[in-house]
Amino acid sequence: MMRVHYSVAHKTRGFTLLELLIAMAIFAVIGVMAISGYVQLARQSERLEVSMKRVRAVQMTMMRFSQDFAELEPRPVRDVLGSNSEPALSAATRTEGVVQFTRAGWSNPAAVARSTLQRVAYRMDNGKLFRDHWVVLDRTLTTEPVQVELLDNVRALRLRFMDRNRVWSEQWPVANVQSGATSQSANLSDLPIAVEGTLELEDFGTLMRLIEVPG
């Protein structure tokens, strides 16, 4: 006798609407948490980049400052009218420009027809520290400086200069310098034996550098 086998397909059970809603809610919560974490990580990365940029700017400023004063050159310059001379290093306690000086070692990789000496000035303007330099030493009224902003959020830049008698002064040239010079031109060429620079920043506090002047 022939037997007939019948196969009964098992009914597959799907997700209910409630289960789908719960799954969607879980995925939504996970997505919000992931986006929130990414945003927070991006903000931290941005703050870190800003902080590192500030650190690099401070480091570059201190390095530039040290290099400039380590290359001081006893070369006075003519004033803009051409009638008088200015000291190789000039710093007063009450001026807009903090200090102005002649430095050596101005690199010239393009072999431009110019001196390797450079006239440089550091000045403060509305909480910003600028470094200016001129393409010629003996400039005129029409010679404009190249202005570079080094740092912002600067409270003060203070300088002290040690003369050959190892006496500190906040201005240069020092009045009645006992250096053995017998003429005004010789006094204009006088340089300190050391320079102390103190930079006061709003975020980093006080930074100090002591630079020995060669010669």
N, C-alpha and C. Protein backbone atom coordinates (compact mmCIF):
# COMPACT_ATOMS: atom_id res chain seq x y z
N MET A 1 0.85 -1.19 0.00
CA MET A 1 0.00 0.00 0.00
C MET A 1 0.89 1.23 0.00
N MET A 2 0.61 2.11 -0.85
CA MET A 2 1.45 3.30 -1.03
C MET A 2 1.09 4.37 0.00
N ARG A 3 2.15 4.86 0.70
CA ARG A 3 1.94 5.91 1.70
C ARG A 3 2.31 7.29 1.11
N VAL A 4 1.49 8.20 1.39
CA VAL A 4 1.72 9.58 0.92
C VAL A 4 2.19 10.42 2.10
N HIS A 5 3.38 11.05 1.95
CA HIS A 5 3.93 11.89 3.02
C HIS A 5 3.61 13.35 2.74
N TYR A 6 3.12 14.01 3.71
CA TYR A 6 2.81 15.44 3.59
C TYR A 6 3.81 16.23 4.45
N SER A 7 4.40 17.24 3.84
CA SER A 7 5.33 18.12 4.60
C SER A 7 4.62 19.40 4.96
N VAL A 8 4.66 19.71 6.20
CA VAL A 8 3.99 20.92 6.67
C VAL A 8 5.04 22.00 6.94
N ALA A 9 4.98 23.08 6.24
CA ALA A 9 5.94 24.19 6.41
C ALA A 9 5.72 24.86 7.76
N HIS A 10 6.87 25.05 8.46
CA HIS A 10 6.78 25.74 9.76
C HIS A 10 6.54 27.22 9.54
N LYS A 11 5.65 27.72 10.27
CA LYS A 11 5.34 29.15 10.18
C LYS A 11 6.44 29.97 10.85
N THR A 12 7.09 30.88 10.08
CA THR A 12 8.17 31.72 10.62
C THR A 12 7.57 32.93 11.33
N ARG A 13 8.05 33.15 12.56
CA ARG A 13 7.53 34.27 13.37
C ARG A 13 8.37 35.52 13.14
N GLY A 14 7.79 36.64 12.73
CA GLY A 14 8.51 37.90 12.50
C GLY A 14 8.51 38.79 13.73
N PHE A 15 9.09 39.99 13.55
CA PHE A 15 9.15 40.95 14.65
C PHE A 15 7.79 41.65 14.76
N THR A 16 7.44 41.88 15.96
CA THR A 16 6.22 42.65 16.18
C THR A 16 6.54 44.15 16.08
N LEU A 17 5.53 44.93 15.95
CA LEU A 17 5.70 46.39 15.84
C LEU A 17 6.38 46.95 17.08
N LEU A 18 6.02 46.42 18.23
CA LEU A 18 6.63 46.89 19.48
C LEU A 18 8.13 46.60 19.50
N GLU A 19 8.51 45.39 19.06
CA GLU A 19 9.92 45.04 19.02
C GLU A 19 10.70 45.93 18.05
N LEU A 20 10.09 46.24 16.90
CA LEU A 20 10.74 47.14 15.94
C LEU A 20 10.93 48.53 16.53
N LEU A 21 9.92 49.01 17.23
CA LEU A 21 10.03 50.34 17.85
C LEU A 21 11.13 50.36 18.91
N ILE A 22 11.20 49.30 19.69
CA ILE A 22 12.24 49.23 20.72
C ILE A 22 13.63 49.20 20.09
N ALA A 23 13.79 48.41 19.02
CA ALA A 23 15.09 48.33 18.34
C ALA A 23 15.48 49.68 17.75
N MET A 24 14.51 50.35 17.13
CA MET A 24 14.79 51.67 16.55
C MET A 24 15.17 52.67 17.63
N ALA A 25 14.51 52.57 18.78
CA ALA A 25 14.84 53.48 19.88
C ALA A 25 16.25 53.23 20.40
N ILE A 26 16.63 51.95 20.49
CA ILE A 26 17.98 51.62 20.95
C ILE A 26 19.03 52.14 19.97
N PHE A 27 18.78 51.92 18.67
CA PHE A 27 19.73 52.42 17.67
C PHE A 27 19.81 53.94 17.70
N ALA A 28 18.68 54.61 17.94
CA ALA A 28 18.68 56.07 18.01
C ALA A 28 19.51 56.56 19.18
N VAL A 29 19.35 55.91 20.34
CA VAL A 29 20.13 56.30 21.53
C VAL A 29 21.62 56.09 21.28
N ILE A 30 21.96 54.93 20.68
CA ILE A 30 23.38 54.66 20.38
C ILE A 30 23.92 55.68 19.40
N GLY A 31 23.12 56.04 18.40
CA GLY A 31 23.57 57.04 17.42
C GLY A 31 23.80 58.41 18.06
N VAL A 32 22.88 58.81 18.93
CA VAL A 32 23.04 60.10 19.63
C VAL A 32 24.29 60.08 20.49
N MET A 33 24.52 58.98 21.20
CA MET A 33 25.72 58.88 22.03
C MET A 33 26.99 58.92 21.18
N ALA A 34 26.96 58.25 20.02
CA ALA A 34 28.14 58.25 19.15
C ALA A 34 28.42 59.64 18.60
N ILE A 35 27.35 60.33 18.16
CA ILE A 35 27.53 61.68 17.62
C ILE A 35 28.02 62.63 18.70
N SER A 36 27.44 62.51 19.91
CA SER A 36 27.87 63.36 21.02
C SER A 36 29.35 63.12 21.35
N GLY A 37 29.75 61.85 21.37
CA GLY A 37 31.16 61.55 21.63
C GLY A 37 32.07 62.09 20.55
N TYR A 38 31.64 62.01 19.30
CA TYR A 38 32.45 62.52 18.19
C TYR A 38 32.59 64.03 18.27
N VAL A 39 31.46 64.70 18.58
CA VAL A 39 31.51 66.17 18.69
C VAL A 39 32.44 66.59 19.82
N GLN A 40 32.35 65.90 20.95
CA GLN A 40 33.22 66.22 22.08
C GLN A 40 34.69 65.97 21.73
N LEU A 41 34.94 64.86 21.04
CA LEU A 41 36.31 64.56 20.63
C LEU A 41 36.83 65.60 19.65
N ALA A 42 35.96 66.04 18.73
CA ALA A 42 36.37 67.06 17.76
C ALA A 42 36.68 68.38 18.46
N ARG A 43 35.87 68.73 19.46
CA ARG A 43 36.12 69.97 20.20
C ARG A 43 37.42 69.89 20.99
N GLN A 44 37.67 68.74 21.62
CA GLN A 44 38.93 68.56 22.34
C GLN A 44 40.12 68.65 21.40
N SER A 45 39.98 68.05 20.21
CA SER A 45 41.05 68.11 19.22
C SER A 45 41.29 69.54 18.77
N GLU A 46 40.20 70.29 18.59
CA GLU A 46 40.33 71.69 18.17
C GLU A 46 41.01 72.52 19.25
N ARG A 47 40.60 72.32 20.51
CA ARG A 47 41.23 73.05 21.62
C ARG A 47 42.71 72.69 21.74
N LEU A 48 43.03 71.41 21.53
CA LEU A 48 44.42 70.98 21.60
C LEU A 48 45.24 71.61 20.48
N GLU A 49 44.65 71.70 19.29
CA GLU A 49 45.36 72.31 18.17
C GLU A 49 45.62 73.80 18.42
N VAL A 50 44.61 74.49 18.98
CA VAL A 50 44.78 75.91 19.31
C VAL A 50 45.87 76.07 20.37
N SER A 51 45.85 75.19 21.38
CA SER A 51 46.86 75.25 22.44
C SER A 51 48.26 74.99 21.88
N MET A 52 48.39 73.99 21.01
CA MET A 52 49.69 73.68 20.43
C MET A 52 50.17 74.80 19.52
N LYS A 53 49.26 75.43 18.81
CA LYS A 53 49.63 76.56 17.96
C LYS A 53 50.17 77.71 18.81
N ARG A 54 49.55 77.92 19.95
CA ARG A 54 50.01 78.97 20.85
C ARG A 54 51.39 78.63 21.42
N VAL A 55 51.58 77.37 21.78
CA VAL A 55 52.89 76.95 22.31
C VAL A 55 53.97 77.15 21.25
N ARG A 56 53.68 76.77 20.01
CA ARG A 56 54.67 76.94 18.94
C ARG A 56 54.98 78.41 18.71
N ALA A 57 53.96 79.27 18.79
CA ALA A 57 54.18 80.70 18.60
C ALA A 57 55.07 81.28 19.70
N VAL A 58 54.82 80.85 20.94
CA VAL A 58 55.65 81.32 22.06
C VAL A 58 57.09 80.83 21.91
N GLN A 59 57.25 79.57 21.54
CA GLN A 59 58.59 79.01 21.36
C GLN A 59 59.34 79.73 20.24
N MET A 60 58.66 79.98 19.12
CA MET A 60 59.30 80.67 18.00
C MET A 60 59.68 82.10 18.37
N THR A 61 58.82 82.75 19.15
CA THR A 61 59.13 84.12 19.57
C THR A 61 60.36 84.16 20.46
N MET A 62 60.44 83.27 21.43
CA MET A 62 61.58 83.25 22.33
C MET A 62 62.86 82.87 21.58
N MET A 63 62.75 81.96 20.63
CA MET A 63 63.92 81.59 19.83
C MET A 63 64.37 82.75 18.96
N ARG A 64 63.43 83.44 18.31
CA ARG A 64 63.77 84.59 17.48
C ARG A 64 64.39 85.70 18.31
N PHE A 65 63.83 85.93 19.48
CA PHE A 65 64.35 86.95 20.39
C PHE A 65 65.79 86.63 20.77
N SER A 66 66.05 85.40 21.15
CA SER A 66 67.40 85.00 21.55
C SER A 66 68.39 85.11 20.39
N GLN A 67 67.98 84.69 19.21
CA GLN A 67 68.86 84.77 18.05
C GLN A 67 69.19 86.21 17.69
N ASP A 68 68.19 87.07 17.75
CA ASP A 68 68.41 88.47 17.40
C ASP A 68 69.46 89.11 18.30
N PHE A 69 69.31 88.95 19.62
CA PHE A 69 70.23 89.61 20.54
C PHE A 69 71.58 88.91 20.62
N ALA A 70 71.63 87.65 20.24
CA ALA A 70 72.93 86.97 20.19
C ALA A 70 73.74 87.41 18.98
N GLU A 71 73.09 88.10 18.02
CA GLU A 71 73.77 88.55 16.81
C GLU A 71 73.91 90.08 16.76
N LEU A 72 73.87 90.73 17.91
CA LEU A 72 74.00 92.19 17.93
C LEU A 72 75.29 92.64 17.26
N GLU A 73 75.18 93.72 16.49
CA GLU A 73 76.32 94.24 15.74
C GLU A 73 76.51 95.71 16.09
N PRO A 74 77.76 96.14 16.38
CA PRO A 74 78.00 97.54 16.77
C PRO A 74 78.00 98.49 15.57
N ARG A 75 76.91 98.53 14.86
CA ARG A 75 76.82 99.36 13.66
C ARG A 75 75.69 100.37 13.83
N PRO A 76 76.01 101.66 14.10
CA PRO A 76 74.96 102.69 14.16
C PRO A 76 74.35 102.90 12.77
N VAL A 77 73.20 103.56 12.74
CA VAL A 77 72.53 103.86 11.47
C VAL A 77 72.19 105.34 11.43
N ARG A 78 72.02 105.86 10.21
CA ARG A 78 71.57 107.25 10.06
C ARG A 78 70.09 107.34 10.37
N ASP A 79 69.67 108.48 10.91
CA ASP A 79 68.24 108.68 11.12
C ASP A 79 67.55 108.94 9.79
N VAL A 80 66.24 109.02 9.82
CA VAL A 80 65.48 109.12 8.58
C VAL A 80 65.74 110.42 7.83
N LEU A 81 66.22 111.45 8.53
CA LEU A 81 66.53 112.71 7.87
C LEU A 81 67.96 112.75 7.35
N GLY A 82 68.79 111.80 7.78
CA GLY A 82 70.16 111.72 7.30
C GLY A 82 71.11 112.70 7.94
N SER A 83 70.66 113.42 8.96
CA SER A 83 71.51 114.44 9.58
C SER A 83 72.21 113.95 10.83
N ASN A 84 71.66 112.95 11.48
CA ASN A 84 72.24 112.42 12.71
C ASN A 84 72.31 110.90 12.62
N SER A 85 72.94 110.33 13.64
CA SER A 85 73.07 108.88 13.70
C SER A 85 72.32 108.33 14.91
N GLU A 86 71.83 107.12 14.77
CA GLU A 86 71.17 106.43 15.87
C GLU A 86 72.07 105.32 16.38
N PRO A 87 72.02 105.02 17.68
CA PRO A 87 72.91 103.99 18.25
C PRO A 87 72.68 102.62 17.62
N ALA A 88 73.71 101.81 17.71
CA ALA A 88 73.57 100.43 17.24
C ALA A 88 72.47 99.71 18.01
N LEU A 89 72.32 100.03 19.27
CA LEU A 89 71.23 99.51 20.10
C LEU A 89 70.59 100.67 20.83
N SER A 90 69.27 100.78 20.68
CA SER A 90 68.56 101.90 21.29
C SER A 90 67.32 101.37 22.01
N ALA A 91 67.25 101.62 23.31
CA ALA A 91 66.10 101.19 24.10
C ALA A 91 65.84 102.22 25.18
N ALA A 92 64.60 102.69 25.26
CA ALA A 92 64.21 103.66 26.27
C ALA A 92 63.06 103.08 27.06
N THR A 93 62.88 103.57 28.27
CA THR A 93 61.83 103.03 29.14
C THR A 93 60.45 103.56 28.77
N ARG A 94 60.37 104.69 28.07
CA ARG A 94 59.07 105.28 27.74
C ARG A 94 59.01 105.61 26.25
N THR A 95 58.92 104.59 25.45
CA THR A 95 58.76 104.76 24.01
C THR A 95 57.78 103.72 23.50
N GLU A 96 57.20 104.01 22.33
CA GLU A 96 56.27 103.06 21.71
C GLU A 96 57.01 101.80 21.28
N GLY A 97 58.21 102.00 20.70
CA GLY A 97 59.02 100.86 20.34
C GLY A 97 59.87 100.45 21.53
N VAL A 98 59.83 99.18 21.87
CA VAL A 98 60.56 98.72 23.05
C VAL A 98 62.05 98.81 22.83
N VAL A 99 62.53 98.35 21.68
CA VAL A 99 63.96 98.34 21.41
C VAL A 99 64.18 98.31 19.90
N GLN A 100 65.33 98.89 19.48
CA GLN A 100 65.73 98.87 18.08
C GLN A 100 67.24 98.65 18.02
N PHE A 101 67.69 97.82 17.08
CA PHE A 101 69.10 97.46 17.07
C PHE A 101 69.50 96.94 15.69
N THR A 102 70.83 96.81 15.51
CA THR A 102 71.39 96.23 14.30
C THR A 102 71.90 94.84 14.64
N ARG A 103 71.54 93.89 13.82
CA ARG A 103 71.98 92.51 14.03
C ARG A 103 72.66 91.98 12.78
N ALA A 104 73.54 91.01 12.98
CA ALA A 104 74.23 90.35 11.88
C ALA A 104 73.53 89.04 11.56
N GLY A 105 74.07 88.34 10.57
CA GLY A 105 73.57 87.00 10.26
C GLY A 105 72.27 86.96 9.50
N TRP A 106 71.92 88.05 8.77
CA TRP A 106 70.71 88.04 7.97
C TRP A 106 70.98 87.19 6.73
N SER A 107 70.40 86.01 6.70
CA SER A 107 70.70 85.07 5.61
C SER A 107 70.25 85.64 4.27
N ASN A 108 71.00 85.28 3.24
CA ASN A 108 70.74 85.79 1.90
C ASN A 108 70.89 84.67 0.88
N PRO A 109 70.00 83.65 0.92
CA PRO A 109 70.14 82.50 0.04
C PRO A 109 69.96 82.84 -1.43
N ALA A 110 69.22 83.92 -1.73
CA ALA A 110 68.99 84.30 -3.13
C ALA A 110 70.09 85.20 -3.68
N ALA A 111 71.11 85.49 -2.87
CA ALA A 111 72.23 86.34 -3.30
C ALA A 111 71.75 87.70 -3.79
N VAL A 112 70.81 88.29 -3.04
CA VAL A 112 70.33 89.63 -3.37
C VAL A 112 71.40 90.65 -3.00
N ALA A 113 71.45 91.73 -3.78
CA ALA A 113 72.46 92.77 -3.54
C ALA A 113 72.05 93.59 -2.31
N ARG A 114 72.35 93.09 -1.16
CA ARG A 114 72.05 93.77 0.10
C ARG A 114 73.01 93.31 1.17
N SER A 115 72.99 94.03 2.29
CA SER A 115 73.87 93.70 3.41
C SER A 115 73.32 92.49 4.16
N THR A 116 74.22 91.81 4.86
CA THR A 116 73.78 90.73 5.76
C THR A 116 73.46 91.27 7.14
N LEU A 117 73.62 92.59 7.33
CA LEU A 117 73.18 93.24 8.57
C LEU A 117 71.72 93.66 8.42
N GLN A 118 71.04 93.69 9.53
CA GLN A 118 69.60 93.99 9.50
C GLN A 118 69.24 94.89 10.68
N ARG A 119 68.43 95.88 10.40
CA ARG A 119 67.91 96.74 11.45
C ARG A 119 66.57 96.20 11.90
N VAL A 120 66.46 95.95 13.22
CA VAL A 120 65.30 95.26 13.78
C VAL A 120 64.72 96.09 14.92
N ALA A 121 63.42 96.00 15.08
CA ALA A 121 62.75 96.65 16.20
C ALA A 121 61.69 95.73 16.78
N TYR A 122 61.59 95.72 18.10
CA TYR A 122 60.48 95.05 18.79
C TYR A 122 59.59 96.13 19.38
N ARG A 123 58.28 95.96 19.22
CA ARG A 123 57.36 96.97 19.74
C ARG A 123 56.06 96.31 20.18
N MET A 124 55.36 97.00 21.08
CA MET A 124 54.07 96.56 21.57
C MET A 124 52.97 97.43 20.98
N ASP A 125 51.83 96.81 20.66
CA ASP A 125 50.71 97.56 20.12
C ASP A 125 49.42 96.82 20.49
N ASN A 126 48.66 97.40 21.43
CA ASN A 126 47.37 96.84 21.85
C ASN A 126 47.48 95.37 22.27
N GLY A 127 48.43 95.08 23.11
CA GLY A 127 48.58 93.73 23.63
C GLY A 127 49.20 92.74 22.66
N LYS A 128 49.77 93.24 21.57
CA LYS A 128 50.42 92.38 20.59
C LYS A 128 51.89 92.77 20.47
N LEU A 129 52.72 91.75 20.29
CA LEU A 129 54.15 91.97 20.13
C LEU A 129 54.51 91.84 18.66
N PHE A 130 55.16 92.89 18.13
CA PHE A 130 55.55 92.92 16.73
C PHE A 130 57.07 92.94 16.61
N ARG A 131 57.55 92.32 15.55
CA ARG A 131 58.96 92.43 15.16
C ARG A 131 59.01 93.08 13.78
N ASP A 132 59.64 94.24 13.72
CA ASP A 132 59.80 94.97 12.46
C ASP A 132 61.24 94.87 11.99
N HIS A 133 61.44 94.86 10.69
CA HIS A 133 62.80 94.97 10.16
C HIS A 133 62.76 95.77 8.86
N TRP A 134 63.88 96.37 8.54
CA TRP A 134 64.00 97.18 7.34
C TRP A 134 64.97 96.51 6.37
N VAL A 135 64.71 96.69 5.09
CA VAL A 135 65.55 96.05 4.07
C VAL A 135 66.87 96.78 3.89
N VAL A 136 66.96 98.01 4.42
CA VAL A 136 68.21 98.76 4.39
C VAL A 136 68.50 99.25 5.80
N LEU A 137 69.78 99.50 6.07
CA LEU A 137 70.16 99.99 7.39
C LEU A 137 69.89 101.48 7.53
N ASP A 138 70.41 102.25 6.60
CA ASP A 138 70.25 103.71 6.64
C ASP A 138 69.02 104.09 5.83
N ARG A 139 67.90 104.05 6.47
CA ARG A 139 66.62 104.26 5.79
C ARG A 139 66.26 105.74 5.68
N THR A 140 65.24 106.00 4.87
CA THR A 140 64.73 107.36 4.69
C THR A 140 63.27 107.39 5.16
N LEU A 141 62.63 108.55 4.96
CA LEU A 141 61.24 108.68 5.37
C LEU A 141 60.31 107.76 4.58
N THR A 142 60.72 107.39 3.39
CA THR A 142 59.86 106.54 2.54
C THR A 142 60.12 105.05 2.73
N THR A 143 61.10 104.72 3.56
CA THR A 143 61.41 103.30 3.77
C THR A 143 60.47 102.72 4.81
N GLU A 144 59.60 101.80 4.37
CA GLU A 144 58.63 101.19 5.27
C GLU A 144 59.19 99.88 5.85
N PRO A 145 58.92 99.63 7.11
CA PRO A 145 59.39 98.37 7.70
C PRO A 145 58.52 97.18 7.31
N VAL A 146 59.10 96.01 7.38
CA VAL A 146 58.34 94.77 7.25
C VAL A 146 57.86 94.38 8.64
N GLN A 147 56.55 94.36 8.83
CA GLN A 147 55.98 94.15 10.16
C GLN A 147 55.46 92.72 10.30
N VAL A 148 55.87 92.07 11.36
CA VAL A 148 55.45 90.68 11.62
C VAL A 148 54.89 90.61 13.04
N GLU A 149 53.65 90.15 13.15
CA GLU A 149 53.06 89.95 14.47
C GLU A 149 53.55 88.62 15.04
N LEU A 150 54.20 88.68 16.19
CA LEU A 150 54.73 87.47 16.82
C LEU A 150 53.75 86.83 17.78
N LEU A 151 53.16 87.64 18.66
CA LEU A 151 52.29 87.10 19.70
C LEU A 151 51.19 88.09 20.04
N ASP A 152 50.05 87.55 20.48
CA ASP A 152 49.01 88.38 21.06
C ASP A 152 48.86 88.01 22.54
N ASN A 153 47.95 88.68 23.20
CA ASN A 153 47.73 88.47 24.65
C ASN A 153 49.04 88.67 25.43
N VAL A 154 49.76 89.72 25.06
CA VAL A 154 51.03 90.05 25.72
C VAL A 154 50.78 91.23 26.66
N ARG A 155 51.15 91.06 27.90
CA ARG A 155 50.99 92.14 28.87
C ARG A 155 52.15 93.13 28.83
N ALA A 156 53.36 92.61 28.71
CA ALA A 156 54.52 93.51 28.72
C ALA A 156 55.75 92.78 28.21
N LEU A 157 56.67 93.57 27.67
CA LEU A 157 58.02 93.10 27.34
C LEU A 157 58.99 94.05 28.00
N ARG A 158 59.77 93.52 28.93
CA ARG A 158 60.73 94.34 29.67
C ARG A 158 62.15 93.87 29.36
N LEU A 159 63.05 94.84 29.22
CA LEU A 159 64.44 94.53 28.89
C LEU A 159 65.37 95.17 29.89
N ARG A 160 66.48 94.47 30.13
CA ARG A 160 67.58 95.03 30.93
C ARG A 160 68.89 94.74 30.20
N PHE A 161 69.83 95.66 30.36
CA PHE A 161 71.10 95.55 29.66
C PHE A 161 72.25 95.67 30.67
N MET A 162 73.22 94.77 30.55
CA MET A 162 74.38 94.79 31.43
C MET A 162 75.55 95.42 30.69
N ASP A 163 76.12 96.48 31.27
CA ASP A 163 77.26 97.13 30.64
C ASP A 163 78.55 96.41 31.04
N ARG A 164 79.67 96.93 30.60
CA ARG A 164 80.95 96.27 30.84
C ARG A 164 81.38 96.35 32.30
N ASN A 165 80.73 97.21 33.06
CA ASN A 165 80.99 97.25 34.50
C ASN A 165 80.06 96.31 35.27
N ARG A 166 79.32 95.48 34.52
CA ARG A 166 78.37 94.51 35.07
C ARG A 166 77.28 95.20 35.89
N VAL A 167 76.83 96.32 35.38
CA VAL A 167 75.73 97.06 36.00
C VAL A 167 74.53 96.98 35.07
N TRP A 168 73.37 96.63 35.64
CA TRP A 168 72.16 96.51 34.84
C TRP A 168 71.48 97.86 34.67
N SER A 169 70.88 98.06 33.50
CA SER A 169 70.12 99.27 33.23
C SER A 169 68.94 98.92 32.34
N GLU A 170 67.83 99.64 32.50
CA GLU A 170 66.64 99.39 31.70
C GLU A 170 66.62 100.21 30.42
N GLN A 171 67.63 101.01 30.19
CA GLN A 171 67.71 101.76 28.94
C GLN A 171 69.11 101.65 28.36
N TRP A 172 69.19 101.91 27.05
CA TRP A 172 70.48 101.85 26.36
C TRP A 172 70.43 102.80 25.16
N PRO A 173 71.51 103.57 24.94
CA PRO A 173 72.75 103.65 25.73
C PRO A 173 72.50 104.23 27.12
N VAL A 174 73.35 103.79 28.05
CA VAL A 174 73.26 104.27 29.42
C VAL A 174 73.91 105.64 29.49
N ALA A 175 73.29 106.56 30.21
CA ALA A 175 73.85 107.89 30.36
C ALA A 175 75.20 107.82 31.07
N ASN A 176 76.18 108.51 30.50
CA ASN A 176 77.52 108.58 31.08
C ASN A 176 78.15 107.19 31.22
N VAL A 177 78.10 106.41 30.17
CA VAL A 177 78.71 105.09 30.20
C VAL A 177 80.22 105.22 30.31
N GLN A 178 80.79 104.55 31.29
CA GLN A 178 82.24 104.59 31.50
C GLN A 178 82.89 103.44 30.73
N SER A 179 82.93 103.59 29.42
CA SER A 179 83.47 102.50 28.61
C SER A 179 84.80 102.86 27.97
N GLY A 180 85.31 104.04 28.29
CA GLY A 180 86.57 104.44 27.68
C GLY A 180 86.40 105.12 26.35
N ALA A 181 85.16 105.28 25.86
CA ALA A 181 84.92 105.93 24.58
C ALA A 181 85.17 107.42 24.73
N THR A 182 85.72 108.03 23.72
CA THR A 182 86.06 109.45 23.78
C THR A 182 85.29 110.28 22.78
N SER A 183 84.43 109.63 21.97
CA SER A 183 83.68 110.38 20.97
C SER A 183 82.25 109.89 20.93
N GLN A 184 81.37 110.73 20.39
CA GLN A 184 79.97 110.35 20.30
C GLN A 184 79.78 109.14 19.39
N SER A 185 80.52 109.08 18.29
CA SER A 185 80.38 107.96 17.37
C SER A 185 80.77 106.64 18.04
N ALA A 186 81.80 106.69 18.92
CA ALA A 186 82.20 105.48 19.62
C ALA A 186 81.11 105.04 20.59
N ASN A 187 80.46 106.01 21.28
CA ASN A 187 79.38 105.67 22.20
C ASN A 187 78.20 105.05 21.46
N LEU A 188 77.93 105.48 20.27
CA LEU A 188 76.82 104.95 19.50
C LEU A 188 77.05 103.50 19.12
N SER A 189 78.29 103.07 19.12
CA SER A 189 78.62 101.69 18.77
C SER A 189 78.65 100.76 19.97
N ASP A 190 78.53 101.31 21.16
CA ASP A 190 78.62 100.49 22.36
C ASP A 190 77.48 99.48 22.43
N LEU A 191 77.83 98.30 22.90
CA LEU A 191 76.84 97.24 23.09
C LEU A 191 76.95 96.69 24.50
N PRO A 192 75.87 96.18 25.05
CA PRO A 192 75.95 95.53 26.36
C PRO A 192 76.64 94.17 26.24
N ILE A 193 77.02 93.63 27.37
CA ILE A 193 77.61 92.29 27.35
C ILE A 193 76.56 91.21 27.58
N ALA A 194 75.37 91.62 28.01
CA ALA A 194 74.27 90.67 28.20
C ALA A 194 72.95 91.42 28.12
N VAL A 195 71.93 90.71 27.69
CA VAL A 195 70.57 91.27 27.59
C VAL A 195 69.62 90.30 28.29
N GLU A 196 68.80 90.86 29.16
CA GLU A 196 67.77 90.07 29.84
C GLU A 196 66.40 90.51 29.34
N GLY A 197 65.65 89.58 28.78
CA GLY A 197 64.32 89.89 28.28
C GLY A 197 63.27 89.14 29.09
N THR A 198 62.24 89.87 29.53
CA THR A 198 61.15 89.28 30.30
C THR A 198 59.86 89.53 29.56
N LEU A 199 59.21 88.44 29.18
CA LEU A 199 57.95 88.51 28.44
C LEU A 199 56.82 88.05 29.35
N GLU A 200 55.84 88.91 29.54
CA GLU A 200 54.71 88.59 30.42
C GLU A 200 53.47 88.34 29.57
N LEU A 201 52.97 87.11 29.61
CA LEU A 201 51.82 86.70 28.81
C LEU A 201 50.62 86.44 29.70
N GLU A 202 49.43 86.60 29.14
CA GLU A 202 48.21 86.40 29.91
C GLU A 202 47.98 84.93 30.25
N ASP A 203 48.44 84.02 29.38
CA ASP A 203 48.17 82.61 29.61
C ASP A 203 49.38 81.84 30.14
N PHE A 204 50.60 82.23 29.74
CA PHE A 204 51.79 81.49 30.15
C PHE A 204 52.51 82.14 31.33
N GLY A 205 52.05 83.29 31.75
CA GLY A 205 52.73 83.97 32.84
C GLY A 205 53.98 84.67 32.37
N THR A 206 55.05 84.59 33.15
CA THR A 206 56.28 85.31 32.88
C THR A 206 57.35 84.37 32.34
N LEU A 207 57.93 84.76 31.20
CA LEU A 207 59.02 84.01 30.59
C LEU A 207 60.25 84.92 30.53
N MET A 208 61.41 84.37 30.82
CA MET A 208 62.63 85.18 30.86
C MET A 208 63.74 84.51 30.09
N ARG A 209 64.51 85.32 29.38
CA ARG A 209 65.69 84.83 28.69
C ARG A 209 66.88 85.75 28.99
N LEU A 210 68.02 85.13 29.22
CA LEU A 210 69.26 85.87 29.44
C LEU A 210 70.19 85.52 28.30
N ILE A 211 70.56 86.53 27.50
CA ILE A 211 71.36 86.29 26.31
C ILE A 211 72.70 86.98 26.46
N GLU A 212 73.76 86.24 26.25
CA GLU A 212 75.12 86.80 26.27
C GLU A 212 75.43 87.36 24.89
N VAL A 213 75.92 88.59 24.87
CA VAL A 213 76.25 89.24 23.61
C VAL A 213 77.72 88.96 23.28
N PRO A 214 78.01 88.37 22.13
CA PRO A 214 79.40 88.07 21.78
C PRO A 214 80.24 89.34 21.64
N GLY A 215 81.52 89.17 21.86
CA GLY A 215 82.45 90.29 21.67
C GLY A 215 82.68 91.06 22.92
